[in-house]
Amino acid sequence: MEFKRLVLGPLHTNAYVRTADGEAAVVDPGDGSSRLAAAWDGHALRYILLTHGHFDHADGAEVIHAHTGAPILYHPEEKGTFWTMGRQPPPLANALSDGERIPLGTEELRVWHLPGHSPGSVAYLWEKGKVAVVGDVLFARSVGRSDLPGGSWDALVRSLQRLLSLDDAWQILPGHGPATEIGRERRQNPYLQGLSDARA
C-alpha cells in the first residue's frame, strides 16, 4: 500500500492519497485540487475519508464526490463540528465507528476514534505497514488544539495515551507538518511526557 502526501491550502494541510491493488482513498482533501486527482491517476477512487470536519481538512470532499461519486466517510459526531464551523455536513455515506475495518484492494484500514481536537476525530491505521494517519491529534513534537468548539483536553489526553499504545516503529502521518514516529514522539514530544500508555 502506498501513501502520497500533498500539502494544500493556506494552512498547509496534509492530504494523503493511499493506493492498493488498483483502488485509492483520499484522506482530508482540504480542497478539490486537480493535484489530488493526479495522485490517484489510474486507480479507482473508492473512498473520501475525513479525519475530522474542520474546513482545511474537509472543504474538497464534496467537490471530489461530485466528480467521482466516491462516498464520503467520517465519524457521525463530526456533524456538530461542521455546523459550528458554519458549514453543512457533507453527505455521510457511512458513519464510521471505532474499530471498523475499511477494505482497500487486498489491504484494509482500521478506524480509531480519537476525540479531543474535535468530538469525532479519527485516525486511519494500516496495521500491516504500521502507518497511522491521525489528522490533528498528534504532530511532530506537538499535539492538536483542544480549545476549538467541541474540543476537550481531557479527551485529547486519552486519545494520545491510546496512540502511545502503538509500538515505537509506527509511522505517524499528521494533518500538518512532517511525518514522525511514535518512538520519536514518546522520547521528544513535551506534551507526551508523563503520559502512560492506554492499551487499545
Protein backbone atom coordinates (compact mmCIF):
# COMPACT_ATOMS: atom_id res chain seq x y z
CA MET A 1 0.00 0.00 0.00
CA GLU A 2 1.38 3.37 -1.00
CA PHE A 3 0.79 6.76 0.69
CA LYS A 4 1.28 10.06 -1.10
CA ARG A 5 1.23 13.40 0.71
CA LEU A 6 0.08 16.67 -0.83
CA VAL A 7 0.21 19.96 1.08
CA LEU A 8 -2.86 22.06 0.28
CA GLY A 9 -4.40 25.41 1.13
CA PRO A 10 -3.42 28.44 3.22
CA LEU A 11 -2.97 26.37 6.39
CA HIS A 12 -0.61 23.92 4.64
CA THR A 13 -2.81 20.94 5.38
CA ASN A 14 -1.61 17.45 4.56
CA ALA A 15 -3.89 15.44 2.30
CA TYR A 16 -2.99 11.80 1.76
CA VAL A 17 -3.77 9.51 -1.14
CA ARG A 18 -3.35 5.83 -0.48
CA THR A 19 -3.44 3.22 -3.19
CA ALA A 20 -3.65 -0.56 -3.15
CA ASP A 21 -4.34 -3.03 -5.94
CA GLY A 22 -5.92 -0.56 -8.34
CA GLU A 23 -8.03 1.21 -5.70
CA ALA A 24 -7.44 4.52 -3.94
CA ALA A 25 -8.66 6.52 -0.98
CA VAL A 26 -8.08 10.20 -0.33
CA VAL A 27 -7.80 11.40 3.27
CA ASP A 28 -8.54 15.01 4.28
CA PRO A 29 -8.98 16.76 0.93
CA GLY A 30 -8.81 20.36 2.10
CA ASP A 31 -9.67 21.47 -1.41
CA GLY A 32 -10.67 19.85 -4.69
CA SER A 33 -7.28 20.45 -6.27
CA SER A 34 -6.53 18.74 -9.57
CA ARG A 35 -3.23 17.75 -7.92
CA LEU A 36 -5.21 15.27 -5.81
CA ALA A 37 -6.79 13.67 -8.86
CA ALA A 38 -3.35 13.26 -10.39
CA ALA A 39 -2.20 11.47 -7.24
CA TRP A 40 -4.69 8.63 -7.74
CA ASP A 41 -4.36 8.60 -11.54
CA GLY A 42 -5.00 5.12 -12.85
CA HIS A 43 -6.70 3.93 -9.68
CA ALA A 44 -10.41 3.84 -8.93
CA LEU A 45 -11.22 6.24 -6.09
CA ARG A 46 -13.13 4.12 -3.59
CA TYR A 47 -13.38 6.43 -0.57
CA ILE A 48 -13.11 10.02 0.59
CA LEU A 49 -12.03 9.72 4.23
CA LEU A 50 -12.10 12.59 6.72
CA THR A 51 -10.21 12.57 10.00
CA HIS A 52 -12.41 15.46 11.19
CA GLY A 53 -14.62 18.26 9.93
CA HIS A 54 -12.52 21.40 10.07
CA PHE A 55 -12.60 23.28 6.77
CA ASP A 56 -8.91 22.88 5.97
CA HIS A 57 -9.33 19.10 6.03
CA ALA A 58 -12.78 18.70 4.51
CA ASP A 59 -13.63 21.50 2.09
CA GLY A 60 -12.73 19.49 -1.01
CA ALA A 61 -14.75 16.41 -0.09
CA GLU A 62 -17.97 17.32 -1.86
CA VAL A 63 -16.15 18.60 -4.95
CA ILE A 64 -14.35 15.27 -5.30
CA HIS A 65 -17.55 13.36 -4.54
CA ALA A 66 -19.35 15.26 -7.33
CA HIS A 67 -16.64 14.39 -9.84
CA THR A 68 -16.03 10.77 -8.85
CA GLY A 69 -19.08 9.50 -6.96
CA ALA A 70 -16.76 8.18 -4.24
CA PRO A 71 -18.54 8.03 -0.86
CA ILE A 72 -17.58 10.38 1.98
CA LEU A 73 -16.85 8.64 5.29
CA TYR A 74 -16.39 10.24 8.72
CA HIS A 75 -17.44 9.79 12.34
CA PRO A 76 -21.06 10.86 12.99
CA GLU A 77 -20.01 13.02 15.96
CA GLU A 78 -18.33 15.35 13.46
CA LYS A 79 -21.66 16.60 12.15
CA GLY A 80 -21.70 19.10 15.00
CA THR A 81 -18.21 20.28 14.07
CA PHE A 82 -19.36 21.18 10.57
CA TRP A 83 -22.33 23.13 11.94
CA THR A 84 -20.23 25.06 14.47
CA MET A 85 -17.85 25.99 11.65
CA GLY A 86 -20.76 27.43 9.67
CA ARG A 87 -20.85 24.61 7.17
CA GLN A 88 -23.46 22.00 6.34
CA PRO A 89 -22.13 18.47 6.92
CA PRO A 90 -21.29 16.70 3.67
CA PRO A 91 -23.39 13.65 2.78
CA LEU A 92 -22.31 10.81 5.05
CA ALA A 93 -22.22 7.54 3.16
CA ASN A 94 -21.03 5.54 6.15
CA ALA A 95 -20.96 6.58 9.81
CA LEU A 96 -17.59 5.29 10.95
CA SER A 97 -17.24 3.57 14.31
CA ASP A 98 -14.26 2.75 16.46
CA GLY A 99 -12.54 -0.45 15.37
CA GLU A 100 -14.22 -0.55 11.98
CA ARG A 101 -12.15 -2.02 9.16
CA ILE A 102 -12.25 -0.39 5.72
CA PRO A 103 -11.19 -2.65 2.83
CA LEU A 104 -8.95 -1.16 0.15
CA GLY A 105 -7.81 -3.57 -2.53
CA THR A 106 -6.48 -6.59 -0.67
CA GLU A 107 -5.47 -4.39 2.27
CA GLU A 108 -7.55 -2.71 4.97
CA LEU A 109 -7.53 0.35 7.18
CA ARG A 110 -8.69 0.29 10.80
CA VAL A 111 -10.57 3.21 12.33
CA TRP A 112 -9.68 4.56 15.74
CA HIS A 113 -11.98 7.16 17.30
CA LEU A 114 -9.65 9.72 18.92
CA PRO A 115 -11.71 12.64 20.24
CA GLY A 116 -10.26 15.74 21.83
CA HIS A 117 -9.31 18.01 18.95
CA SER A 118 -12.92 17.55 17.88
CA PRO A 119 -15.63 15.16 19.06
CA GLY A 120 -15.44 12.84 16.07
CA SER A 121 -11.74 12.92 15.22
CA VAL A 122 -10.50 9.58 13.92
CA ALA A 123 -7.25 8.01 12.78
CA TYR A 124 -6.86 5.51 9.94
CA LEU A 125 -4.39 2.74 10.72
CA TRP A 126 -2.68 0.47 8.21
CA GLU A 127 -1.71 -2.20 10.69
CA LYS A 128 0.29 -4.34 8.30
CA GLY A 129 2.65 -1.47 7.48
CA LYS A 130 2.45 0.28 10.88
CA VAL A 131 1.26 3.61 9.50
CA ALA A 132 -1.39 5.83 11.12
CA VAL A 133 -2.98 8.93 9.56
CA VAL A 134 -4.01 10.89 12.65
CA GLY A 135 -5.36 14.26 11.49
CA ASP A 136 -4.80 16.99 14.09
CA VAL A 137 -4.50 14.76 17.16
CA LEU A 138 -0.69 14.43 17.16
CA PHE A 139 2.10 16.30 15.36
CA ALA A 140 5.87 16.11 15.35
CA ARG A 141 6.79 17.47 18.81
CA SER A 142 3.30 18.88 19.36
CA VAL A 143 -0.37 17.94 19.71
CA GLY A 144 -3.66 19.25 18.40
CA ARG A 145 -5.60 22.15 19.85
CA SER A 146 -8.42 21.36 22.24
CA ASP A 147 -9.79 24.92 22.62
CA LEU A 148 -11.94 24.93 19.47
CA PRO A 149 -15.71 24.25 19.71
CA GLY A 150 -16.25 20.62 20.69
CA GLY A 151 -12.67 20.16 21.81
CA SER A 152 -11.65 18.64 25.13
CA TRP A 153 -8.18 18.48 26.66
CA ASP A 154 -9.13 15.50 28.85
CA ALA A 155 -10.42 13.59 25.82
CA LEU A 156 -7.31 14.53 23.83
CA VAL A 157 -5.07 13.17 26.59
CA ARG A 158 -6.91 9.84 26.50
CA SER A 159 -6.55 9.75 22.71
CA LEU A 160 -2.83 10.48 22.96
CA GLN A 161 -2.47 7.71 25.53
CA ARG A 162 -4.14 5.35 23.09
CA LEU A 163 -1.70 6.32 20.36
CA LEU A 164 1.14 5.65 22.80
CA SER A 165 -0.04 2.04 22.97
CA LEU A 166 1.42 1.62 19.47
CA ASP A 167 5.00 0.40 19.36
CA ASP A 168 7.86 2.73 18.54
CA ALA A 169 8.11 1.74 14.88
CA TRP A 170 4.68 3.11 13.95
CA GLN A 171 4.87 5.98 11.46
CA ILE A 172 2.55 8.91 12.18
CA LEU A 173 1.18 10.94 9.26
CA PRO A 174 -0.24 14.15 10.80
CA GLY A 175 -2.63 16.74 9.43
CA HIS A 176 0.10 19.39 9.30
CA GLY A 177 3.87 19.24 9.17
CA PRO A 178 6.27 16.35 8.65
CA ALA A 179 5.74 12.67 9.32
CA THR A 180 7.11 11.28 12.55
CA GLU A 181 7.22 8.05 14.55
CA ILE A 182 5.64 7.08 17.83
CA GLY A 183 9.04 6.23 19.30
CA ARG A 184 10.40 9.66 18.47
CA GLU A 185 7.35 11.40 19.92
CA ARG A 186 7.47 9.25 23.03
CA ARG A 187 11.02 10.48 23.64
CA GLN A 188 10.92 14.06 22.33
CA ASN A 189 7.36 15.42 22.41
CA PRO A 190 6.99 17.59 25.54
CA TYR A 191 3.21 17.14 25.56
CA LEU A 192 3.56 13.36 25.88
CA GLN A 193 5.94 13.34 28.80
CA GLY A 194 4.39 11.67 31.81
CA LEU A 195 1.51 10.13 29.84
CA SER A 196 1.10 6.40 30.29
CA ASP A 197 0.10 4.06 27.51
CA ALA A 198 -3.58 3.18 27.27
CA ARG A 199 -3.72 -0.20 25.60
CA ALA A 200 -6.26 -0.38 22.76
